[in-house]
Amino acid sequence: MTMRTNLVLPRELVAEVDRVAGPRGRSRFVAEVLEQAVRRERQREALRAGVGMLVDRPGYEHWSTPDRVVDWVAAQRAGGRDPWQE
């Protein structure tokens, strides 16, 4: 289902969108770009919500600082094994 809306945009931006989207492609193009932006914002929100959730949990000490994460990843890669297959 679609819904008609009214957006106020700079004239130059609309001209560029029309150039990129082609004839009669403005709505589709804008919808796709907005879907991508909303998806990115949801990912940001999820990442912010998860910040620090493993720091104080036993067994996840390697998540306590960025340096410890880097060291842990390097150790996992150096061992030649897949840490997800344990």
PDB file of N, CA and C in Angstrom:
ATOM      1  N   MET A   1       0.839  -1.171   0.000  1.00  0.00           N
ATOM      2  CA  MET A   1       0.000   0.000   0.000  1.00  0.00           C
ATOM      3  C   MET A   1       0.895   1.248   0.000  1.00  0.00           C
ATOM      4  N   THR A   2       0.542   2.195  -0.769  1.00  0.00           N
ATOM      5  CA  THR A   2       1.294   3.435  -0.814  1.00  0.00           C
ATOM      6  C   THR A   2       0.456   4.568  -0.256  1.00  0.00           C
ATOM      7  N   MET A   3       1.137   5.644   0.061  1.00  0.00           N
ATOM      8  CA  MET A   3       0.464   6.807   0.617  1.00  0.00           C
ATOM      9  C   MET A   3       1.084   8.052  -0.005  1.00  0.00           C
ATOM     10  N   ARG A   4       0.282   8.966  -0.412  1.00  0.00           N
ATOM     11  CA  ARG A   4       0.785  10.209  -0.990  1.00  0.00           C
ATOM     12  C   ARG A   4       1.231  11.120   0.154  1.00  0.00           C
ATOM     13  N   THR A   5       2.377  11.774  -0.062  1.00  0.00           N
ATOM     14  CA  THR A   5       2.910  12.700   0.934  1.00  0.00           C
ATOM     15  C   THR A   5       3.467  13.923   0.222  1.00  0.00           C
ATOM     16  N   ASN A   6       3.688  14.951   0.972  1.00  0.00           N
ATOM     17  CA  ASN A   6       4.228  16.184   0.419  1.00  0.00           C
ATOM     18  C   ASN A   6       5.528  16.495   1.141  1.00  0.00           C
ATOM     19  N   LEU A   7       6.621  16.547   0.403  1.00  0.00           N
ATOM     20  CA  LEU A   7       7.926  16.864   0.970  1.00  0.00           C
ATOM     21  C   LEU A   7       8.408  18.183   0.384  1.00  0.00           C
ATOM     22  N   VAL A   8       9.069  18.966   1.198  1.00  0.00           N
ATOM     23  CA  VAL A   8       9.679  20.202   0.726  1.00  0.00           C
ATOM     24  C   VAL A   8      11.180  19.960   0.676  1.00  0.00           C
ATOM     25  N   LEU A   9      11.732  19.991  -0.529  1.00  0.00           N
ATOM     26  CA  LEU A   9      13.141  19.681  -0.751  1.00  0.00           C
ATOM     27  C   LEU A   9      13.784  20.795  -1.573  1.00  0.00           C
ATOM     28  N   PRO A  10      15.089  20.957  -1.422  1.00  0.00           N
ATOM     29  CA  PRO A  10      15.786  21.947  -2.259  1.00  0.00           C
ATOM     30  C   PRO A  10      15.647  21.601  -3.750  1.00  0.00           C
ATOM     31  N   ARG A  11      15.444  22.609  -4.543  1.00  0.00           N
ATOM     32  CA  ARG A  11      15.246  22.440  -5.988  1.00  0.00           C
ATOM     33  C   ARG A  11      16.409  21.675  -6.626  1.00  0.00           C
ATOM     34  N   GLU A  12      17.639  21.986  -6.215  1.00  0.00           N
ATOM     35  CA  GLU A  12      18.807  21.333  -6.795  1.00  0.00           C
ATOM     36  C   GLU A  12      18.820  19.834  -6.473  1.00  0.00           C
ATOM     37  N   LEU A  13      18.386  19.480  -5.269  1.00  0.00           N
ATOM     38  CA  LEU A  13      18.338  18.070  -4.881  1.00  0.00           C
ATOM     39  C   LEU A  13      17.306  17.322  -5.707  1.00  0.00           C
ATOM     40  N   VAL A  14      16.151  17.915  -5.894  1.00  0.00           N
ATOM     41  CA  VAL A  14      15.107  17.277  -6.703  1.00  0.00           C
ATOM     42  C   VAL A  14      15.597  17.079  -8.139  1.00  0.00           C
ATOM     43  N   ALA A  15      16.287  18.070  -8.668  1.00  0.00           N
ATOM     44  CA  ALA A  15      16.809  17.944 -10.033  1.00  0.00           C
ATOM     45  C   ALA A  15      17.808  16.799 -10.117  1.00  0.00           C
ATOM     46  N   GLU A  16      18.661  16.659  -9.111  1.00  0.00           N
ATOM     47  CA  GLU A  16      19.649  15.579  -9.120  1.00  0.00           C
ATOM     48  C   GLU A  16      18.965  14.216  -8.971  1.00  0.00           C
ATOM     49  N   VAL A  17      17.960  14.137  -8.107  1.00  0.00           N
ATOM     50  CA  VAL A  17      17.206  12.886  -7.953  1.00  0.00           C
ATOM     51  C   VAL A  17      16.554  12.514  -9.281  1.00  0.00           C
ATOM     52  N   ASP A  18      15.951  13.479  -9.935  1.00  0.00           N
ATOM     53  CA  ASP A  18      15.316  13.207 -11.231  1.00  0.00           C
ATOM     54  C   ASP A  18      16.336  12.741 -12.262  1.00  0.00           C
ATOM     55  N   ARG A  19      17.524  13.322 -12.228  1.00  0.00           N
ATOM     56  CA  ARG A  19      18.563  12.917 -13.171  1.00  0.00           C
ATOM     57  C   ARG A  19      18.979  11.469 -12.912  1.00  0.00           C
ATOM     58  N   VAL A  20      19.126  11.118 -11.631  1.00  0.00           N
ATOM     59  CA  VAL A  20      19.568   9.773 -11.266  1.00  0.00           C
ATOM     60  C   VAL A  20      18.444   8.752 -11.432  1.00  0.00           C
ATOM     61  N   ALA A  21      17.250   9.110 -11.011  1.00  0.00           N
ATOM     62  CA  ALA A  21      16.127   8.162 -10.984  1.00  0.00           C
ATOM     63  C   ALA A  21      15.478   7.962 -12.343  1.00  0.00           C
ATOM     64  N   GLY A  22      15.671   8.897 -13.234  1.00  0.00           N
ATOM     65  CA  GLY A  22      15.065   8.773 -14.550  1.00  0.00           C
ATOM     66  C   GLY A  22      13.628   9.258 -14.562  1.00  0.00           C
ATOM     67  N   PRO A  23      13.039   9.233 -15.750  1.00  0.00           N
ATOM     68  CA  PRO A  23      11.669   9.716 -15.895  1.00  0.00           C
ATOM     69  C   PRO A  23      10.694   8.922 -15.021  1.00  0.00           C
ATOM     70  N   ARG A  24       9.925   9.622 -14.279  1.00  0.00           N
ATOM     71  CA  ARG A  24       8.869   9.049 -13.434  1.00  0.00           C
ATOM     72  C   ARG A  24       9.407   8.078 -12.374  1.00  0.00           C
ATOM     73  N   GLY A  25      10.686   8.212 -12.006  1.00  0.00           N
ATOM     74  CA  GLY A  25      11.264   7.309 -11.017  1.00  0.00           C
ATOM     75  C   GLY A  25      11.511   7.951  -9.667  1.00  0.00           C
ATOM     76  N   ARG A  26      11.088   9.194  -9.503  1.00  0.00           N
ATOM     77  CA  ARG A  26      11.385   9.936  -8.281  1.00  0.00           C
ATOM     78  C   ARG A  26      10.839   9.243  -7.035  1.00  0.00           C
ATOM     79  N   SER A  27       9.589   8.870  -7.028  1.00  0.00           N
ATOM     80  CA  SER A  27       8.984   8.267  -5.823  1.00  0.00           C
ATOM     81  C   SER A  27       9.670   6.956  -5.441  1.00  0.00           C
ATOM     82  N   ARG A  28       9.915   6.119  -6.433  1.00  0.00           N
ATOM     83  CA  ARG A  28      10.588   4.849  -6.160  1.00  0.00           C
ATOM     84  C   ARG A  28      11.973   5.086  -5.575  1.00  0.00           C
ATOM     85  N   PHE A  29      12.715   6.014  -6.177  1.00  0.00           N
ATOM     86  CA  PHE A  29      14.063   6.320  -5.718  1.00  0.00           C
ATOM     87  C   PHE A  29      14.041   6.841  -4.282  1.00  0.00           C
ATOM     88  N   VAL A  30      13.189   7.796  -4.016  1.00  0.00           N
ATOM     89  CA  VAL A  30      13.104   8.368  -2.663  1.00  0.00           C
ATOM     90  C   VAL A  30      12.689   7.304  -1.655  1.00  0.00           C
ATOM     91  N   ALA A  31      11.756   6.445  -2.016  1.00  0.00           N
ATOM     92  CA  ALA A  31      11.324   5.375  -1.108  1.00  0.00           C
ATOM     93  C   ALA A  31      12.483   4.433  -0.792  1.00  0.00           C
ATOM     94  N   GLU A  32      13.267   4.052  -1.793  1.00  0.00           N
ATOM     95  CA  GLU A  32      14.401   3.158  -1.565  1.00  0.00           C
ATOM     96  C   GLU A  32      15.450   3.807  -0.664  1.00  0.00           C
ATOM     97  N   VAL A  33      15.740   5.072  -0.903  1.00  0.00           N
ATOM     98  CA  VAL A  33      16.731   5.775  -0.091  1.00  0.00           C
ATOM     99  C   VAL A  33      16.239   5.905   1.345  1.00  0.00           C
ATOM    100  N   LEU A  34      14.973   6.223   1.534  1.00  0.00           N
ATOM    101  CA  LEU A  34      14.418   6.334   2.883  1.00  0.00           C
ATOM    102  C   LEU A  34      14.423   4.990   3.604  1.00  0.00           C
ATOM    103  N   GLU A  35      14.125   3.908   2.897  1.00  0.00           N
ATOM    104  CA  GLU A  35      14.179   2.578   3.514  1.00  0.00           C
ATOM    105  C   GLU A  35      15.589   2.275   4.010  1.00  0.00           C
ATOM    106  N   GLN A  36      16.589   2.598   3.209  1.00  0.00           N
ATOM    107  CA  GLN A  36      17.981   2.379   3.609  1.00  0.00           C
ATOM    108  C   GLN A  36      18.326   3.219   4.838  1.00  0.00           C
ATOM    109  N   ALA A  37      17.905   4.467   4.854  1.00  0.00           N
ATOM    110  CA  ALA A  37      18.202   5.357   5.981  1.00  0.00           C
ATOM    111  C   ALA A  37      17.526   4.867   7.257  1.00  0.00           C
ATOM    112  N   VAL A  38      16.291   4.417   7.150  1.00  0.00           N
ATOM    113  CA  VAL A  38      15.582   3.898   8.321  1.00  0.00           C
ATOM    114  C   VAL A  38      16.254   2.627   8.833  1.00  0.00           C
ATOM    115  N   ARG A  39      16.667   1.751   7.933  1.00  0.00           N
ATOM    116  CA  ARG A  39      17.361   0.526   8.332  1.00  0.00           C
ATOM    117  C   ARG A  39      18.667   0.854   9.064  1.00  0.00           C
ATOM    118  N   ARG A  40      19.440   1.820   8.538  1.00  0.00           N
ATOM    119  CA  ARG A  40      20.677   2.230   9.209  1.00  0.00           C
ATOM    120  C   ARG A  40      20.398   2.801  10.596  1.00  0.00           C
ATOM    121  N   GLU A  41      19.340   3.601  10.719  1.00  0.00           N
ATOM    122  CA  GLU A  41      19.017   4.183  12.025  1.00  0.00           C
ATOM    123  C   GLU A  41      18.596   3.101  13.009  1.00  0.00           C
ATOM    124  N   ARG A  42      17.851   2.112  12.566  1.00  0.00           N
ATOM    125  CA  ARG A  42      17.483   0.992  13.451  1.00  0.00           C
ATOM    126  C   ARG A  42      18.727   0.229  13.911  1.00  0.00           C
ATOM    127  N   GLN A  43      19.677   0.038  13.005  1.00  0.00           N
ATOM    128  CA  GLN A  43      20.930  -0.629  13.371  1.00  0.00           C
ATOM    129  C   GLN A  43      21.689   0.194  14.401  1.00  0.00           C
ATOM    130  N   ARG A  44      21.750   1.507  14.216  1.00  0.00           N
ATOM    131  CA  ARG A  44      22.413   2.369  15.197  1.00  0.00           C
ATOM    132  C   ARG A  44      21.751   2.253  16.561  1.00  0.00           C
ATOM    133  N   GLU A  45      20.426   2.274  16.581  1.00  0.00           N
ATOM    134  CA  GLU A  45      19.696   2.151  17.844  1.00  0.00           C
ATOM    135  C   GLU A  45      20.005   0.823  18.522  1.00  0.00           C
ATOM    136  N   ALA A  46      20.039  -0.252  17.754  1.00  0.00           N
ATOM    137  CA  ALA A  46      20.336  -1.570  18.330  1.00  0.00           C
ATOM    138  C   ALA A  46      21.753  -1.614  18.871  1.00  0.00           C
ATOM    139  N   LEU A  47      22.691  -1.032  18.147  1.00  0.00           N
ATOM    140  CA  LEU A  47      24.077  -1.001  18.622  1.00  0.00           C
ATOM    141  C   LEU A  47      24.189  -0.189  19.911  1.00  0.00           C
ATOM    142  N   ARG A  48      23.534   0.962  19.950  1.00  0.00           N
ATOM    143  CA  ARG A  48      23.574   1.782  21.171  1.00  0.00           C
ATOM    144  C   ARG A  48      22.958   1.031  22.353  1.00  0.00           C
ATOM    145  N   ALA A  49      21.890   0.310  22.110  1.00  0.00           N
ATOM    146  CA  ALA A  49      21.220  -0.432  23.184  1.00  0.00           C
ATOM    147  C   ALA A  49      22.104  -1.544  23.724  1.00  0.00           C
ATOM    148  N   GLY A  50      22.974  -2.085  22.878  1.00  0.00           N
ATOM    149  CA  GLY A  50      23.815  -3.198  23.301  1.00  0.00           C
ATOM    150  C   GLY A  50      25.158  -2.810  23.882  1.00  0.00           C
ATOM    151  N   VAL A  51      25.487  -1.526  23.829  1.00  0.00           N
ATOM    152  CA  VAL A  51      26.799  -1.084  24.325  1.00  0.00           C
ATOM    153  C   VAL A  51      26.955  -1.450  25.793  1.00  0.00           C
ATOM    154  N   GLY A  52      28.022  -2.161  26.103  1.00  0.00           N
ATOM    155  CA  GLY A  52      28.349  -2.493  27.479  1.00  0.00           C
ATOM    156  C   GLY A  52      27.617  -3.688  28.062  1.00  0.00           C
ATOM    157  N   MET A  53      26.770  -4.338  27.315  1.00  0.00           N
ATOM    158  CA  MET A  53      25.956  -5.411  27.884  1.00  0.00           C
ATOM    159  C   MET A  53      26.761  -6.656  28.276  1.00  0.00           C
ATOM    160  N   LEU A  54      27.943  -6.834  27.725  1.00  0.00           N
ATOM    161  CA  LEU A  54      28.737  -8.020  28.057  1.00  0.00           C
ATOM    162  C   LEU A  54      29.925  -7.718  28.964  1.00  0.00           C
ATOM    163  N   VAL A  55      30.166  -6.465  29.258  1.00  0.00           N
ATOM    164  CA  VAL A  55      31.370  -6.084  29.990  1.00  0.00           C
ATOM    165  C   VAL A  55      31.484  -6.782  31.342  1.00  0.00           C
ATOM    166  N   ASP A  56      30.414  -6.859  32.090  1.00  0.00           N
ATOM    167  CA  ASP A  56      30.472  -7.418  33.444  1.00  0.00           C
ATOM    168  C   ASP A  56      30.076  -8.892  33.520  1.00  0.00           C
ATOM    169  N   ARG A  57      29.887  -9.539  32.392  1.00  0.00           N
ATOM    170  CA  ARG A  57      29.472 -10.944  32.409  1.00  0.00           C
ATOM    171  C   ARG A  57      30.689 -11.848  32.397  1.00  0.00           C
ATOM    172  N   PRO A  58      30.714 -12.843  33.266  1.00  0.00           N
ATOM    173  CA  PRO A  58      31.846 -13.786  33.279  1.00  0.00           C
ATOM    174  C   PRO A  58      31.998 -14.464  31.918  1.00  0.00           C
ATOM    175  N   GLY A  59      33.234 -14.620  31.501  1.00  0.00           N
ATOM    176  CA  GLY A  59      33.509 -15.269  30.220  1.00  0.00           C
ATOM    177  C   GLY A  59      33.602 -14.298  29.053  1.00  0.00           C
ATOM    178  N   TYR A  60      33.293 -13.038  29.287  1.00  0.00           N
ATOM    179  CA  TYR A  60      33.328 -12.047  28.214  1.00  0.00           C
ATOM    180  C   TYR A  60      34.291 -10.904  28.533  1.00  0.00           C
ATOM    181  N   GLU A  61      35.317 -11.201  29.312  1.00  0.00           N
ATOM    182  CA  GLU A  61      36.267 -10.167  29.706  1.00  0.00           C
ATOM    183  C   GLU A  61      36.951  -9.527  28.502  1.00  0.00           C
ATOM    184  N   HIS A  62      37.077 -10.294  27.408  1.00  0.00           N
ATOM    185  CA  HIS A  62      37.735  -9.769  26.210  1.00  0.00           C
ATOM    186  C   HIS A  62      36.938  -8.630  25.569  1.00  0.00           C
ATOM    187  N   TRP A  63      35.704  -8.392  26.000  1.00  0.00           N
ATOM    188  CA  TRP A  63      34.887  -7.298  25.483  1.00  0.00           C
ATOM    189  C   TRP A  63      35.025  -6.034  26.332  1.00  0.00           C
ATOM    190  N   SER A  64      35.845  -6.049  27.363  1.00  0.00           N
ATOM    191  CA  SER A  64      35.888  -4.939  28.315  1.00  0.00           C
ATOM    192  C   SER A  64      36.521  -3.666  27.755  1.00  0.00           C
ATOM    193  N   THR A  65      37.440  -3.780  26.813  1.00  0.00           N
ATOM    194  CA  THR A  65      38.054  -2.599  26.195  1.00  0.00           C
ATOM    195  C   THR A  65      38.277  -2.878  24.725  1.00  0.00           C
ATOM    196  N   PRO A  66      38.356  -1.834  23.916  1.00  0.00           N
ATOM    197  CA  PRO A  66      38.632  -2.055  22.493  1.00  0.00           C
ATOM    198  C   PRO A  66      39.952  -2.798  22.260  1.00  0.00           C
ATOM    199  N   ASP A  67      40.979  -2.485  23.057  1.00  0.00           N
ATOM    200  CA  ASP A  67      42.260  -3.171  22.884  1.00  0.00           C
ATOM    201  C   ASP A  67      42.146  -4.662  23.169  1.00  0.00           C
ATOM    202  N   ARG A  68      41.373  -5.028  24.186  1.00  0.00           N
ATOM    203  CA  ARG A  68      41.210  -6.447  24.502  1.00  0.00           C
ATOM    204  C   ARG A  68      40.427  -7.162  23.405  1.00  0.00           C
ATOM    205  N   VAL A  69      39.480  -6.479  22.791  1.00  0.00           N
ATOM    206  CA  VAL A  69      38.743  -7.075  21.673  1.00  0.00           C
ATOM    207  C   VAL A  69      39.692  -7.349  20.513  1.00  0.00           C
ATOM    208  N   VAL A  70      40.519  -6.362  20.194  1.00  0.00           N
ATOM    209  CA  VAL A  70      41.478  -6.529  19.100  1.00  0.00           C
ATOM    210  C   VAL A  70      42.417  -7.686  19.391  1.00  0.00           C
ATOM    211  N   ASP A  71      42.922  -7.767  20.616  1.00  0.00           N
ATOM    212  CA  ASP A  71      43.814  -8.864  20.986  1.00  0.00           C
ATOM    213  C   ASP A  71      43.114 -10.215  20.869  1.00  0.00           C
ATOM    214  N   TRP A  72      41.864 -10.287  21.318  1.00  0.00           N
ATOM    215  CA  TRP A  72      41.103 -11.536  21.263  1.00  0.00           C
ATOM    216  C   TRP A  72      40.886 -11.969  19.808  1.00  0.00           C
ATOM    217  N   VAL A  73      40.504 -11.018  18.949  1.00  0.00           N
ATOM    218  CA  VAL A  73      40.281 -11.352  17.535  1.00  0.00           C
ATOM    219  C   VAL A  73      41.580 -11.845  16.905  1.00  0.00           C
ATOM    220  N   ALA A  74      42.687 -11.167  17.189  1.00  0.00           N
ATOM    221  CA  ALA A  74      43.973 -11.586  16.635  1.00  0.00           C
ATOM    222  C   ALA A  74      44.327 -12.989  17.097  1.00  0.00           C
ATOM    223  N   ALA A  75      44.074 -13.287  18.368  1.00  0.00           N
ATOM    224  CA  ALA A  75      44.376 -14.621  18.894  1.00  0.00           C
ATOM    225  C   ALA A  75      43.499 -15.678  18.230  1.00  0.00           C
ATOM    226  N   GLN A  76      42.233 -15.363  17.998  1.00  0.00           N
ATOM    227  CA  GLN A  76      41.328 -16.311  17.343  1.00  0.00           C
ATOM    228  C   GLN A  76      41.801 -16.608  15.927  1.00  0.00           C
ATOM    229  N   ARG A  77      42.208 -15.582  15.227  1.00  0.00           N
ATOM    230  CA  ARG A  77      42.662 -15.760  13.844  1.00  0.00           C
ATOM    231  C   ARG A  77      43.985 -16.501  13.779  1.00  0.00           C
ATOM    232  N   ALA A  78      44.865 -16.232  14.720  1.00  0.00           N
ATOM    233  CA  ALA A  78      46.185 -16.866  14.725  1.00  0.00           C
ATOM    234  C   ALA A  78      46.087 -18.356  15.012  1.00  0.00           C
ATOM    235  N   GLY A  79      45.065 -18.771  15.731  1.00  0.00           N
ATOM    236  CA  GLY A  79      44.925 -20.177  16.089  1.00  0.00           C
ATOM    237  C   GLY A  79      44.462 -21.052  14.946  1.00  0.00           C
ATOM    238  N   GLY A  80      44.039 -20.449  13.852  1.00  0.00           N
ATOM    239  CA  GLY A  80      43.609 -21.218  12.697  1.00  0.00           C
ATOM    240  C   GLY A  80      42.331 -22.002  12.935  1.00  0.00           C
ATOM    241  N   ARG A  81      41.521 -21.555  13.874  1.00  0.00           N
ATOM    242  CA  ARG A  81      40.271 -22.272  14.156  1.00  0.00           C
ATOM    243  C   ARG A  81      39.105 -21.295  14.092  1.00  0.00           C
ATOM    244  N   ASP A  82      37.944 -21.825  13.928  1.00  0.00           N
ATOM    245  CA  ASP A  82      36.725 -21.040  13.876  1.00  0.00           C
ATOM    246  C   ASP A  82      36.127 -20.967  15.279  1.00  0.00           C
ATOM    247  N   PRO A  83      36.127 -19.788  15.923  1.00  0.00           N
ATOM    248  CA  PRO A  83      35.635 -19.693  17.300  1.00  0.00           C
ATOM    249  C   PRO A  83      34.149 -20.003  17.418  1.00  0.00           C
ATOM    250  N   TRP A  84      33.421 -19.994  16.326  1.00  0.00           N
ATOM    251  CA  TRP A  84      31.985 -20.271  16.374  1.00  0.00           C
ATOM    252  C   TRP A  84      31.691 -21.763  16.286  1.00  0.00           C
ATOM    253  N   GLN A  85      32.714 -22.581  16.063  1.00  0.00           N
ATOM    254  CA  GLN A  85      32.550 -24.021  15.953  1.00  0.00           C
ATOM    255  C   GLN A  85      33.002 -24.762  17.199  1.00  0.00           C
ATOM    256  N   GLU A  86      33.118 -24.080  18.312  1.00  0.00           N
ATOM    257  CA  GLU A  86      33.570 -24.722  19.561  1.00  0.00           C
ATOM    258  C   GLU A  86      32.446 -25.473  20.222  1.00  0.00           C
TER     259      GLU A  86
END
